[in-house]
PDB file of N, CA and C in Angstrom:
ATOM      1  N   MET A   1       0.831  -1.149  -0.037  1.00  0.00           N
ATOM      2  CA  MET A   1      -0.020   0.013  -0.012  1.00  0.00           C
ATOM      3  C   MET A   1       0.880   1.345   0.000  1.00  0.00           C
ATOM      4  N   LEU A   2       0.416   2.286  -0.618  1.00  0.00           N
ATOM      5  CA  LEU A   2       1.096   3.503  -0.601  1.00  0.00           C
ATOM      6  C   LEU A   2       0.543   4.374   0.542  1.00  0.00           C
ATOM      7  N   GLU A   3       1.379   4.950   1.248  1.00  0.00           N
ATOM      8  CA  GLU A   3       0.951   5.659   2.509  1.00  0.00           C
ATOM      9  C   GLU A   3       0.754   7.203   2.321  1.00  0.00           C
ATOM     10  N   GLY A   4       1.192   7.730   1.176  1.00  0.00           N
ATOM     11  CA  GLY A   4       1.152   9.113   0.964  1.00  0.00           C
ATOM     12  C   GLY A   4      -0.187   9.768   0.986  1.00  0.00           C
ATOM     13  N   LYS A   5      -0.244  11.036   1.220  1.00  0.00           N
ATOM     14  CA  LYS A   5      -1.511  11.773   1.085  1.00  0.00           C
ATOM     15  C   LYS A   5      -1.934  12.015  -0.313  1.00  0.00           C
ATOM     16  N   ALA A   6      -3.216  11.881  -0.595  1.00  0.00           N
ATOM     17  CA  ALA A   6      -3.750  12.153  -1.965  1.00  0.00           C
ATOM     18  C   ALA A   6      -3.581  13.609  -2.267  1.00  0.00           C
ATOM     19  N   VAL A   7      -3.064  13.916  -3.414  1.00  0.00           N
ATOM     20  CA  VAL A   7      -2.957  15.330  -3.853  1.00  0.00           C
ATOM     21  C   VAL A   7      -3.879  15.560  -5.077  1.00  0.00           C
ATOM     22  N   LEU A   8      -4.819  16.428  -4.908  1.00  0.00           N
ATOM     23  CA  LEU A   8      -5.777  16.763  -5.867  1.00  0.00           C
ATOM     24  C   LEU A   8      -5.124  17.584  -7.005  1.00  0.00           C
ATOM     25  N   ARG A   9      -5.215  17.151  -8.298  1.00  0.00           N
ATOM     26  CA  ARG A   9      -4.651  17.907  -9.392  1.00  0.00           C
ATOM     27  C   ARG A   9      -5.715  18.785 -10.030  1.00  0.00           C
ATOM     28  N   GLU A  10      -6.888  18.118 -10.284  1.00  0.00           N
ATOM     29  CA  GLU A  10      -8.007  18.889 -10.892  1.00  0.00           C
ATOM     30  C   GLU A  10      -9.325  18.155 -10.691  1.00  0.00           C
ATOM     31  N   THR A  11     -10.393  18.846 -10.545  1.00  0.00           N
ATOM     32  CA  THR A  11     -11.689  18.265 -10.352  1.00  0.00           C
ATOM     33  C   THR A  11     -12.820  19.207 -10.625  1.00  0.00           C
ATOM     34  N   ASP A  12     -14.007  18.706 -10.883  1.00  0.00           N
ATOM     35  CA  ASP A  12     -15.204  19.465 -10.864  1.00  0.00           C
ATOM     36  C   ASP A  12     -16.354  18.658 -10.112  1.00  0.00           C
ATOM     37  N   MET A  13     -15.877  17.683  -9.400  1.00  0.00           N
ATOM     38  CA  MET A  13     -16.813  16.889  -8.499  1.00  0.00           C
ATOM     39  C   MET A  13     -17.160  17.563  -7.192  1.00  0.00           C
ATOM     40  N   PRO A  14     -18.365  17.300  -6.692  1.00  0.00           N
ATOM     41  CA  PRO A  14     -18.657  17.831  -5.394  1.00  0.00           C
ATOM     42  C   PRO A  14     -17.746  17.245  -4.374  1.00  0.00           C
ATOM     43  N   GLU A  15     -17.469  17.979  -3.250  1.00  0.00           N
ATOM     44  CA  GLU A  15     -16.454  17.494  -2.297  1.00  0.00           C
ATOM     45  C   GLU A  15     -16.673  16.129  -1.722  1.00  0.00           C
ATOM     46  N   GLN A  16     -17.873  15.790  -1.425  1.00  0.00           N
ATOM     47  CA  GLN A  16     -18.205  14.474  -0.836  1.00  0.00           C
ATOM     48  C   GLN A  16     -17.832  13.353  -1.835  1.00  0.00           C
ATOM     49  N   MET A  17     -18.038  13.568  -3.054  1.00  0.00           N
ATOM     50  CA  MET A  17     -17.685  12.537  -4.120  1.00  0.00           C
ATOM     51  C   MET A  17     -16.169  12.504  -4.256  1.00  0.00           C
ATOM     52  N   GLN A  18     -15.491  13.638  -4.138  1.00  0.00           N
ATOM     53  CA  GLN A  18     -14.035  13.635  -4.215  1.00  0.00           C
ATOM     54  C   GLN A  18     -13.449  12.846  -3.079  1.00  0.00           C
ATOM     55  N   SER A  19     -13.963  13.005  -1.837  1.00  0.00           N
ATOM     56  CA  SER A  19     -13.537  12.230  -0.731  1.00  0.00           C
ATOM     57  C   SER A  19     -13.728  10.725  -0.906  1.00  0.00           C
ATOM     58  N   HIS A  20     -14.926  10.399  -1.479  1.00  0.00           N
ATOM     59  CA  HIS A  20     -15.190   9.000  -1.706  1.00  0.00           C
ATOM     60  C   HIS A  20     -14.208   8.411  -2.721  1.00  0.00           C
ATOM     61  N   ALA A  21     -13.913   9.158  -3.761  1.00  0.00           N
ATOM     62  CA  ALA A  21     -12.974   8.724  -4.807  1.00  0.00           C
ATOM     63  C   ALA A  21     -11.566   8.375  -4.153  1.00  0.00           C
ATOM     64  N   MET A  22     -11.111   9.238  -3.367  1.00  0.00           N
ATOM     65  CA  MET A  22      -9.815   9.133  -2.690  1.00  0.00           C
ATOM     66  C   MET A  22      -9.796   7.948  -1.717  1.00  0.00           C
ATOM     67  N   GLU A  23     -10.939   7.848  -0.952  1.00  0.00           N
ATOM     68  CA  GLU A  23     -11.092   6.698  -0.074  1.00  0.00           C
ATOM     69  C   GLU A  23     -11.066   5.443  -0.816  1.00  0.00           C
ATOM     70  N   LEU A  24     -11.766   5.336  -1.969  1.00  0.00           N
ATOM     71  CA  LEU A  24     -11.771   4.128  -2.742  1.00  0.00           C
ATOM     72  C   LEU A  24     -10.336   3.760  -3.334  1.00  0.00           C
ATOM     73  N   ALA A  25      -9.610   4.848  -3.616  1.00  0.00           N
ATOM     74  CA  ALA A  25      -8.203   4.572  -4.115  1.00  0.00           C
ATOM     75  C   ALA A  25      -7.399   3.942  -3.085  1.00  0.00           C
ATOM     76  N   TYR A  26      -7.499   4.421  -1.831  1.00  0.00           N
ATOM     77  CA  TYR A  26      -6.762   3.820  -0.703  1.00  0.00           C
ATOM     78  C   TYR A  26      -7.196   2.360  -0.499  1.00  0.00           C
ATOM     79  N   GLN A  27      -8.469   2.100  -0.568  1.00  0.00           N
ATOM     80  CA  GLN A  27      -8.993   0.757  -0.364  1.00  0.00           C
ATOM     81  C   GLN A  27      -8.440  -0.191  -1.421  1.00  0.00           C
ATOM     82  N   ALA A  28      -8.489   0.329  -2.727  1.00  0.00           N
ATOM     83  CA  ALA A  28      -7.988  -0.487  -3.771  1.00  0.00           C
ATOM     84  C   ALA A  28      -6.488  -0.805  -3.689  1.00  0.00           C
ATOM     85  N   LEU A  29      -5.738   0.294  -3.207  1.00  0.00           N
ATOM     86  CA  LEU A  29      -4.291   0.020  -3.009  1.00  0.00           C
ATOM     87  C   LEU A  29      -4.058  -1.029  -1.857  1.00  0.00           C
ATOM     88  N   ASP A  30      -4.991  -1.030  -0.866  1.00  0.00           N
ATOM     89  CA  ASP A  30      -4.817  -2.053   0.161  1.00  0.00           C
ATOM     90  C   ASP A  30      -5.110  -3.391  -0.321  1.00  0.00           C
ATOM     91  N   LEU A  31      -6.031  -3.562  -1.202  1.00  0.00           N
ATOM     92  CA  LEU A  31      -6.501  -4.872  -1.753  1.00  0.00           C
ATOM     93  C   LEU A  31      -5.615  -5.448  -2.857  1.00  0.00           C
ATOM     94  N   HIS A  32      -4.965  -4.607  -3.660  1.00  0.00           N
ATOM     95  CA  HIS A  32      -4.221  -5.080  -4.799  1.00  0.00           C
ATOM     96  C   HIS A  32      -2.716  -4.615  -4.712  1.00  0.00           C
ATOM     97  N   GLU A  33      -1.962  -5.292  -5.455  1.00  0.00           N
ATOM     98  CA  GLU A  33      -0.605  -4.900  -5.606  1.00  0.00           C
ATOM     99  C   GLU A  33      -0.470  -3.552  -6.322  1.00  0.00           C
ATOM    100  N   VAL A  34       0.495  -2.675  -5.906  1.00  0.00           N
ATOM    101  CA  VAL A  34       0.552  -1.381  -6.552  1.00  0.00           C
ATOM    102  C   VAL A  34       0.823  -1.438  -8.113  1.00  0.00           C
ATOM    103  N   SER A  35       1.453  -2.529  -8.485  1.00  0.00           N
ATOM    104  CA  SER A  35       1.792  -2.734  -9.897  1.00  0.00           C
ATOM    105  C   SER A  35       0.606  -3.249 -10.741  1.00  0.00           C
ATOM    106  N   ASP A  36      -0.502  -3.641 -10.026  1.00  0.00           N
ATOM    107  CA  ASP A  36      -1.677  -4.160 -10.697  1.00  0.00           C
ATOM    108  C   ASP A  36      -2.702  -3.002 -10.976  1.00  0.00           C
ATOM    109  N   CYS A  37      -2.353  -2.146 -11.857  1.00  0.00           N
ATOM    110  CA  CYS A  37      -3.190  -0.969 -12.090  1.00  0.00           C
ATOM    111  C   CYS A  37      -4.551  -1.274 -12.611  1.00  0.00           C
ATOM    112  N   GLN A  38      -4.610  -2.303 -13.418  1.00  0.00           N
ATOM    113  CA  GLN A  38      -5.903  -2.658 -13.947  1.00  0.00           C
ATOM    114  C   GLN A  38      -6.871  -3.121 -12.881  1.00  0.00           C
ATOM    115  N   SER A  39      -6.420  -3.948 -11.935  1.00  0.00           N
ATOM    116  CA  SER A  39      -7.331  -4.329 -10.864  1.00  0.00           C
ATOM    117  C   SER A  39      -7.710  -3.157  -9.898  1.00  0.00           C
ATOM    118  N   ILE A  40      -6.795  -2.249  -9.728  1.00  0.00           N
ATOM    119  CA  ILE A  40      -7.111  -1.107  -8.908  1.00  0.00           C
ATOM    120  C   ILE A  40      -8.161  -0.261  -9.601  1.00  0.00           C
ATOM    121  N   ALA A  41      -7.967  -0.025 -10.895  1.00  0.00           N
ATOM    122  CA  ALA A  41      -8.880   0.759 -11.664  1.00  0.00           C
ATOM    123  C   ALA A  41     -10.290   0.084 -11.739  1.00  0.00           C
ATOM    124  N   HIS A  42     -10.263  -1.156 -11.885  1.00  0.00           N
ATOM    125  CA  HIS A  42     -11.562  -1.940 -11.980  1.00  0.00           C
ATOM    126  C   HIS A  42     -12.323  -1.857 -10.670  1.00  0.00           C
ATOM    127  N   TYR A  43     -11.606  -1.957  -9.535  1.00  0.00           N
ATOM    128  CA  TYR A  43     -12.212  -1.841  -8.247  1.00  0.00           C
ATOM    129  C   TYR A  43     -12.890  -0.468  -8.049  1.00  0.00           C
ATOM    130  N   ILE A  44     -12.219   0.564  -8.371  1.00  0.00           N
ATOM    131  CA  ILE A  44     -12.777   1.853  -8.213  1.00  0.00           C
ATOM    132  C   ILE A  44     -13.983   2.152  -9.168  1.00  0.00           C
ATOM    133  N   LYS A  45     -13.820   1.699 -10.411  1.00  0.00           N
ATOM    134  CA  LYS A  45     -14.834   1.804 -11.397  1.00  0.00           C
ATOM    135  C   LYS A  45     -16.144   1.126 -10.938  1.00  0.00           C
ATOM    136  N   GLN A  46     -16.015  -0.075 -10.437  1.00  0.00           N
ATOM    137  CA  GLN A  46     -17.178  -0.825 -10.021  1.00  0.00           C
ATOM    138  C   GLN A  46     -17.880  -0.264  -8.851  1.00  0.00           C
ATOM    139  N   LYS A  47     -17.116   0.272  -7.915  1.00  0.00           N
ATOM    140  CA  LYS A  47     -17.658   0.884  -6.720  1.00  0.00           C
ATOM    141  C   LYS A  47     -18.449   2.224  -7.139  1.00  0.00           C
ATOM    142  N   PHE A  48     -17.861   3.022  -8.066  1.00  0.00           N
ATOM    143  CA  PHE A  48     -18.523   4.231  -8.492  1.00  0.00           C
ATOM    144  C   PHE A  48     -19.813   3.859  -9.287  1.00  0.00           C
ATOM    145  N   ASP A  49     -19.705   2.819 -10.080  1.00  0.00           N
ATOM    146  CA  ASP A  49     -20.871   2.347 -10.829  1.00  0.00           C
ATOM    147  C   ASP A  49     -22.079   1.957  -9.840  1.00  0.00           C
ATOM    148  N   ASP A  50     -21.645   1.235  -8.722  1.00  0.00           N
ATOM    149  CA  ASP A  50     -22.615   0.816  -7.789  1.00  0.00           C
ATOM    150  C   ASP A  50     -23.231   1.980  -7.083  1.00  0.00           C
ATOM    151  N   VAL A  51     -22.491   2.960  -6.692  1.00  0.00           N
ATOM    152  CA  VAL A  51     -22.955   4.049  -5.881  1.00  0.00           C
ATOM    153  C   VAL A  51     -23.696   5.188  -6.700  1.00  0.00           C
ATOM    154  N   TYR A  52     -23.003   5.554  -7.876  1.00  0.00           N
ATOM    155  CA  TYR A  52     -23.392   6.698  -8.663  1.00  0.00           C
ATOM    156  C   TYR A  52     -24.106   6.409  -9.987  1.00  0.00           C
ATOM    157  N   GLY A  53     -24.332   5.069 -10.243  1.00  0.00           N
ATOM    158  CA  GLY A  53     -24.926   4.628 -11.528  1.00  0.00           C
ATOM    159  C   GLY A  53     -23.803   4.360 -12.531  1.00  0.00           C
ATOM    160  N   PRO A  54     -24.150   3.728 -13.667  1.00  0.00           N
ATOM    161  CA  PRO A  54     -23.194   3.271 -14.586  1.00  0.00           C
ATOM    162  C   PRO A  54     -22.537   4.380 -15.569  1.00  0.00           C
ATOM    163  N   ALA A  55     -21.550   3.930 -16.280  1.00  0.00           N
ATOM    164  CA  ALA A  55     -20.803   4.669 -17.191  1.00  0.00           C
ATOM    165  C   ALA A  55     -19.596   5.457 -16.615  1.00  0.00           C
ATOM    166  N   TRP A  56     -19.051   4.961 -15.502  1.00  0.00           N
ATOM    167  CA  TRP A  56     -17.875   5.605 -14.923  1.00  0.00           C
ATOM    168  C   TRP A  56     -16.659   4.935 -15.555  1.00  0.00           C
ATOM    169  N   HIS A  57     -15.576   5.717 -15.611  1.00  0.00           N
ATOM    170  CA  HIS A  57     -14.263   5.204 -16.151  1.00  0.00           C
ATOM    171  C   HIS A  57     -13.202   5.597 -15.130  1.00  0.00           C
ATOM    172  N   CYS A  58     -12.265   4.716 -15.103  1.00  0.00           N
ATOM    173  CA  CYS A  58     -11.106   4.981 -14.138  1.00  0.00           C
ATOM    174  C   CYS A  58      -9.800   4.547 -14.852  1.00  0.00           C
ATOM    175  N   VAL A  59      -8.903   5.445 -14.769  1.00  0.00           N
ATOM    176  CA  VAL A  59      -7.532   5.163 -15.306  1.00  0.00           C
ATOM    177  C   VAL A  59      -6.579   5.327 -14.137  1.00  0.00           C
ATOM    178  N   VAL A  60      -5.644   4.305 -14.031  1.00  0.00           N
ATOM    179  CA  VAL A  60      -4.709   4.334 -12.905  1.00  0.00           C
ATOM    180  C   VAL A  60      -3.323   4.041 -13.519  1.00  0.00           C
ATOM    181  N   GLY A  61      -2.369   4.747 -13.136  1.00  0.00           N
ATOM    182  CA  GLY A  61      -0.979   4.491 -13.556  1.00  0.00           C
ATOM    183  C   GLY A  61      -0.017   5.468 -13.105  1.00  0.00           C
ATOM    184  N   LYS A  62       1.225   5.300 -13.551  1.00  0.00           N
ATOM    185  CA  LYS A  62       2.320   6.244 -13.186  1.00  0.00           C
ATOM    186  C   LYS A  62       2.626   7.274 -14.262  1.00  0.00           C
ATOM    187  N   ASP A  63       2.318   6.967 -15.488  1.00  0.00           N
ATOM    188  CA  ASP A  63       2.583   7.866 -16.565  1.00  0.00           C
ATOM    189  C   ASP A  63       1.612   7.624 -17.702  1.00  0.00           C
ATOM    190  N   PHE A  64       0.687   8.568 -17.913  1.00  0.00           N
ATOM    191  CA  PHE A  64      -0.252   8.363 -19.038  1.00  0.00           C
ATOM    192  C   PHE A  64      -0.792   9.776 -19.462  1.00  0.00           C
ATOM    193  N   GLY A  65      -1.227   9.831 -20.668  1.00  0.00           N
ATOM    194  CA  GLY A  65      -1.774  11.014 -21.210  1.00  0.00           C
ATOM    195  C   GLY A  65      -3.295  10.704 -21.516  1.00  0.00           C
ATOM    196  N   CYS A  66      -4.117  11.708 -21.616  1.00  0.00           N
ATOM    197  CA  CYS A  66      -5.491  11.543 -21.896  1.00  0.00           C
ATOM    198  C   CYS A  66      -6.133  12.764 -22.503  1.00  0.00           C
ATOM    199  N   CYS A  67      -7.207  12.589 -23.178  1.00  0.00           N
ATOM    200  CA  CYS A  67      -8.032  13.540 -23.683  1.00  0.00           C
ATOM    201  C   CYS A  67      -9.413  13.085 -23.652  1.00  0.00           C
ATOM    202  N   ILE A  68     -10.311  13.569 -22.740  1.00  0.00           N
ATOM    203  CA  ILE A  68     -11.568  12.907 -22.489  1.00  0.00           C
ATOM    204  C   ILE A  68     -12.734  13.984 -22.642  1.00  0.00           C
ATOM    205  N   THR A  69     -13.916  13.495 -22.801  1.00  0.00           N
ATOM    206  CA  THR A  69     -15.167  14.293 -22.608  1.00  0.00           C
ATOM    207  C   THR A  69     -15.899  13.614 -21.500  1.00  0.00           C
ATOM    208  N   HIS A  70     -16.324  14.461 -20.573  1.00  0.00           N
ATOM    209  CA  HIS A  70     -17.082  13.905 -19.322  1.00  0.00           C
ATOM    210  C   HIS A  70     -18.176  14.766 -18.998  1.00  0.00           C
ATOM    211  N   LEU A  71     -19.137  14.192 -18.213  1.00  0.00           N
ATOM    212  CA  LEU A  71     -20.304  14.966 -17.743  1.00  0.00           C
ATOM    213  C   LEU A  71     -19.853  15.933 -16.719  1.00  0.00           C
ATOM    214  N   SER A  72     -20.448  17.035 -16.753  1.00  0.00           N
ATOM    215  CA  SER A  72     -20.117  18.135 -15.737  1.00  0.00           C
ATOM    216  C   SER A  72     -20.360  17.584 -14.302  1.00  0.00           C
ATOM    217  N   GLY A  73     -19.390  17.837 -13.407  1.00  0.00           N
ATOM    218  CA  GLY A  73     -19.487  17.395 -12.076  1.00  0.00           C
ATOM    219  C   GLY A  73     -19.084  16.008 -11.858  1.00  0.00           C
ATOM    220  N   SER A  74     -18.369  15.344 -12.751  1.00  0.00           N
ATOM    221  CA  SER A  74     -18.052  13.982 -12.629  1.00  0.00           C
ATOM    222  C   SER A  74     -16.527  13.642 -12.922  1.00  0.00           C
ATOM    223  N   PHE A  75     -15.718  14.593 -12.789  1.00  0.00           N
ATOM    224  CA  PHE A  75     -14.255  14.474 -13.133  1.00  0.00           C
ATOM    225  C   PHE A  75     -13.342  14.769 -11.950  1.00  0.00           C
ATOM    226  N   ILE A  76     -12.403  13.868 -11.779  1.00  0.00           N
ATOM    227  CA  ILE A  76     -11.378  14.032 -10.712  1.00  0.00           C
ATOM    228  C   ILE A  76     -10.105  13.434 -11.204  1.00  0.00           C
ATOM    229  N   PHE A  77      -8.979  14.168 -10.999  1.00  0.00           N
ATOM    230  CA  PHE A  77      -7.621  13.738 -11.289  1.00  0.00           C
ATOM    231  C   PHE A  77      -6.751  14.000 -10.027  1.00  0.00           C
ATOM    232  N   PHE A  78      -6.237  12.925  -9.449  1.00  0.00           N
ATOM    233  CA  PHE A  78      -5.417  13.128  -8.289  1.00  0.00           C
ATOM    234  C   PHE A  78      -4.322  12.034  -8.248  1.00  0.00           C
ATOM    235  N   ARG A  79      -3.317  12.212  -7.302  1.00  0.00           N
ATOM    236  CA  ARG A  79      -2.296  11.258  -7.187  1.00  0.00           C
ATOM    237  C   ARG A  79      -2.141  10.911  -5.714  1.00  0.00           C
ATOM    238  N   VAL A  80      -1.551   9.736  -5.590  1.00  0.00           N
ATOM    239  CA  VAL A  80      -1.158   9.201  -4.269  1.00  0.00           C
ATOM    240  C   VAL A  80       0.244   8.726  -4.496  1.00  0.00           C
ATOM    241  N   GLU A  81       1.212   9.445  -3.897  1.00  0.00           N
ATOM    242  CA  GLU A  81       2.590   9.256  -4.091  1.00  0.00           C
ATOM    243  C   GLU A  81       2.848   9.229  -5.627  1.00  0.00           C
ATOM    244  N   MET A  82       3.307   8.057  -6.275  1.00  0.00           N
ATOM    245  CA  MET A  82       3.629   8.093  -7.693  1.00  0.00           C
ATOM    246  C   MET A  82       2.438   7.600  -8.545  1.00  0.00           C
ATOM    247  N   MET A  83       1.329   7.241  -7.983  1.00  0.00           N
ATOM    248  CA  MET A  83       0.213   6.695  -8.712  1.00  0.00           C
ATOM    249  C   MET A  83      -0.757   7.798  -8.985  1.00  0.00           C
ATOM    250  N   GLU A  84      -1.124   7.880 -10.250  1.00  0.00           N
ATOM    251  CA  GLU A  84      -2.141   8.901 -10.707  1.00  0.00           C
ATOM    252  C   GLU A  84      -3.495   8.121 -10.847  1.00  0.00           C
ATOM    253  N   PHE A  85      -4.584   8.932 -10.548  1.00  0.00           N
ATOM    254  CA  PHE A  85      -5.985   8.363 -10.641  1.00  0.00           C
ATOM    255  C   PHE A  85      -6.790   9.388 -11.413  1.00  0.00           C
ATOM    256  N   LEU A  86      -7.482   8.875 -12.484  1.00  0.00           N
ATOM    257  CA  LEU A  86      -8.347   9.730 -13.292  1.00  0.00           C
ATOM    258  C   LEU A  86      -9.692   8.950 -13.255  1.00  0.00           C
ATOM    259  N   ILE A  87     -10.744   9.623 -12.752  1.00  0.00           N
ATOM    260  CA  ILE A  87     -12.086   9.010 -12.691  1.00  0.00           C
ATOM    261  C   ILE A  87     -13.045  10.052 -13.279  1.00  0.00           C
ATOM    262  N   PHE A  88     -13.862   9.499 -14.137  1.00  0.00           N
ATOM    263  CA  PHE A  88     -14.852  10.405 -14.808  1.00  0.00           C
ATOM    264  C   PHE A  88     -16.040   9.644 -15.303  1.00  0.00           C
ATOM    265  N   LYS A  89     -17.146  10.295 -15.504  1.00  0.00           N
ATOM    266  CA  LYS A  89     -18.334   9.726 -16.021  1.00  0.00           C
ATOM    267  C   LYS A  89     -18.596  10.145 -17.417  1.00  0.00           C
ATOM    268  N   ASP A  90     -18.800   9.243 -18.338  1.00  0.00           N
ATOM    269  CA  ASP A  90     -19.048   9.421 -19.676  1.00  0.00           C
ATOM    270  C   ASP A  90     -20.490   9.828 -19.990  1.00  0.00           C
ATOM    271  N   GLY A  91     -20.709  10.636 -20.907  1.00  0.00           N
ATOM    272  CA  GLY A  91     -22.060  11.033 -21.274  1.00  0.00           C
ATOM    273  C   GLY A  91     -22.847   9.833 -22.015  1.00  0.00           C
ATOM    274  N   GLY A  92     -23.783   9.289 -21.305  1.00  0.00           N
ATOM    275  CA  GLY A  92     -24.540   8.242 -21.910  1.00  0.00           C
ATOM    276  C   GLY A  92     -25.512   8.689 -22.988  1.00  0.00           C
ATOM    277  N   ASP A  93     -25.963   9.857 -22.900  1.00  0.00           N
ATOM    278  CA  ASP A  93     -26.834  10.448 -23.874  1.00  0.00           C
ATOM    279  C   ASP A  93     -26.117  11.593 -24.600  1.00  0.00           C
ATOM    280  N   PHE A  94     -25.697  11.331 -25.843  1.00  0.00           N
ATOM    281  CA  PHE A  94     -24.933  12.286 -26.590  1.00  0.00           C
ATOM    282  C   PHE A  94     -25.531  13.616 -26.663  1.00  0.00           C
ATOM    283  N   SER A  95     -26.873  13.668 -26.878  1.00  0.00           N
ATOM    284  CA  SER A  95     -27.554  15.002 -27.059  1.00  0.00           C
ATOM    285  C   SER A  95     -27.480  15.752 -25.784  1.00  0.00           C
ATOM    286  N   GLU A  96     -27.581  15.139 -24.572  1.00  0.00           N
ATOM    287  CA  GLU A  96     -27.473  15.809 -23.305  1.00  0.00           C
ATOM    288  C   GLU A  96     -26.028  16.281 -23.169  1.00  0.00           C
ATOM    289  N   SER A  97     -25.024  15.511 -23.505  1.00  0.00           N
ATOM    290  CA  SER A  97     -23.620  15.961 -23.401  1.00  0.00           C
ATOM    291  C   SER A  97     -23.387  17.131 -24.246  1.00  0.00           C
ATOM    292  N   LYS A  98     -23.938  17.094 -25.460  1.00  0.00           N
ATOM    293  CA  LYS A  98     -23.691  18.145 -26.414  1.00  0.00           C
ATOM    294  C   LYS A  98     -24.291  19.509 -25.914  1.00  0.00           C
ATOM    295  N   GLU A  99     -25.501  19.361 -25.258  1.00  0.00           N
ATOM    296  CA  GLU A  99     -26.130  20.548 -24.757  1.00  0.00           C
ATOM    297  C   GLU A  99     -25.324  21.133 -23.636  1.00  0.00           C
ATOM    298  N   GLU A 100     -24.794  20.252 -22.750  1.00  0.00           N
ATOM    299  CA  GLU A 100     -23.959  20.721 -21.655  1.00  0.00           C
ATOM    300  C   GLU A 100     -22.685  21.377 -22.207  1.00  0.00           C
ATOM    301  N   ALA A 101     -22.045  20.829 -23.217  1.00  0.00           N
ATOM    302  CA  ALA A 101     -20.817  21.402 -23.795  1.00  0.00           C
ATOM    303  C   ALA A 101     -21.157  22.805 -24.363  1.00  0.00           C
ATOM    304  N   ILE A 102     -22.275  22.870 -24.982  1.00  0.00           N
ATOM    305  CA  ILE A 102     -22.644  24.192 -25.664  1.00  0.00           C
ATOM    306  C   ILE A 102     -22.878  25.204 -24.530  1.00  0.00           C
ATOM    307  N   GLY A 103     -23.603  24.766 -23.393  1.00  0.00           N
ATOM    308  CA  GLY A 103     -23.768  25.645 -22.335  1.00  0.00           C
ATOM    309  C   GLY A 103     -22.519  26.170 -21.725  1.00  0.00           C
ATOM    310  N   VAL A 104     -21.533  25.300 -21.578  1.00  0.00           N
ATOM    311  CA  VAL A 104     -20.194  25.671 -21.003  1.00  0.00           C
ATOM    312  C   VAL A 104     -19.560  26.592 -21.973  1.00  0.00           C
ATOM    313  N   LEU A 105     -19.567  26.307 -23.237  1.00  0.00           N
ATOM    314  CA  LEU A 105     -18.933  27.184 -24.251  1.00  0.00           C
ATOM    315  C   LEU A 105     -19.630  28.613 -24.233  1.00  0.00           C
ATOM    316  N   GLN A 106     -20.945  28.667 -24.109  1.00  0.00           N
ATOM    317  CA  GLN A 106     -21.546  29.960 -24.090  1.00  0.00           C
ATOM    318  C   GLN A 106     -21.173  30.772 -22.790  1.00  0.00           C
ATOM    319  N   GLN A 107     -21.119  30.053 -21.680  1.00  0.00           N
ATOM    320  CA  GLN A 107     -20.636  30.723 -20.429  1.00  0.00           C
ATOM    321  C   GLN A 107     -19.258  31.242 -20.599  1.00  0.00           C
ATOM    322  N   PHE A 108     -18.444  30.441 -21.149  1.00  0.00           N
ATOM    323  CA  PHE A 108     -16.968  30.896 -21.455  1.00  0.00           C
ATOM    324  C   PHE A 108     -16.967  32.122 -22.320  1.00  0.00           C
ATOM    325  N   GLN A 109     -17.713  32.089 -23.311  1.00  0.00           N
ATOM    326  CA  GLN A 109     -17.727  33.223 -24.252  1.00  0.00           C
ATOM    327  C   GLN A 109     -18.259  34.474 -23.621  1.00  0.00           C
ATOM    328  N   LYS A 110     -19.272  34.358 -22.783  1.00  0.00           N
ATOM    329  CA  LYS A 110     -19.874  35.520 -22.086  1.00  0.00           C
ATOM    330  C   LYS A 110     -18.775  36.119 -21.170  1.00  0.00           C
ATOM    331  N   SER A 111     -18.096  35.229 -20.416  1.00  0.00           N
ATOM    332  CA  SER A 111     -17.120  35.776 -19.468  1.00  0.00           C
ATOM    333  C   SER A 111     -15.845  36.309 -20.219  1.00  0.00           C
ATOM    334  N   ASP A 112     -15.700  35.977 -21.503  1.00  0.00           N
ATOM    335  CA  ASP A 112     -14.554  36.437 -22.270  1.00  0.00           C
ATOM    336  C   ASP A 112     -14.849  37.812 -22.711  1.00  0.00           C
ATOM    337  N   THR A 113     -16.047  38.300 -22.862  1.00  0.00           N
ATOM    338  CA  THR A 113     -16.391  39.633 -23.417  1.00  0.00           C
ATOM    339  C   THR A 113     -16.435  40.637 -22.367  1.00  0.00           C
TER     340      THR A 113
END
């Protein structure tokens, strides 16, 4: 198990959900070898699916890049020592995700003027 404190890199999740994500990361690290990133990610993904509904994704590793689309309020990226954790929920309904993306873009454009 890694003993370090979780360091939040970026998120738009509510604080309670952030705490839950980090708690699950520690649980997964207790249950699995640190080198078994797939089992760690699978554990966290299943727990998030059980509690918050389906379509969650989890990426765990020491060095990875990503470019994702996620539902608003469902993204967290943090690390525990050398392990990075990315958890997000995918948009199950494309039209809803598109509307959210347009809303965010419009808000950004308004604040830019």
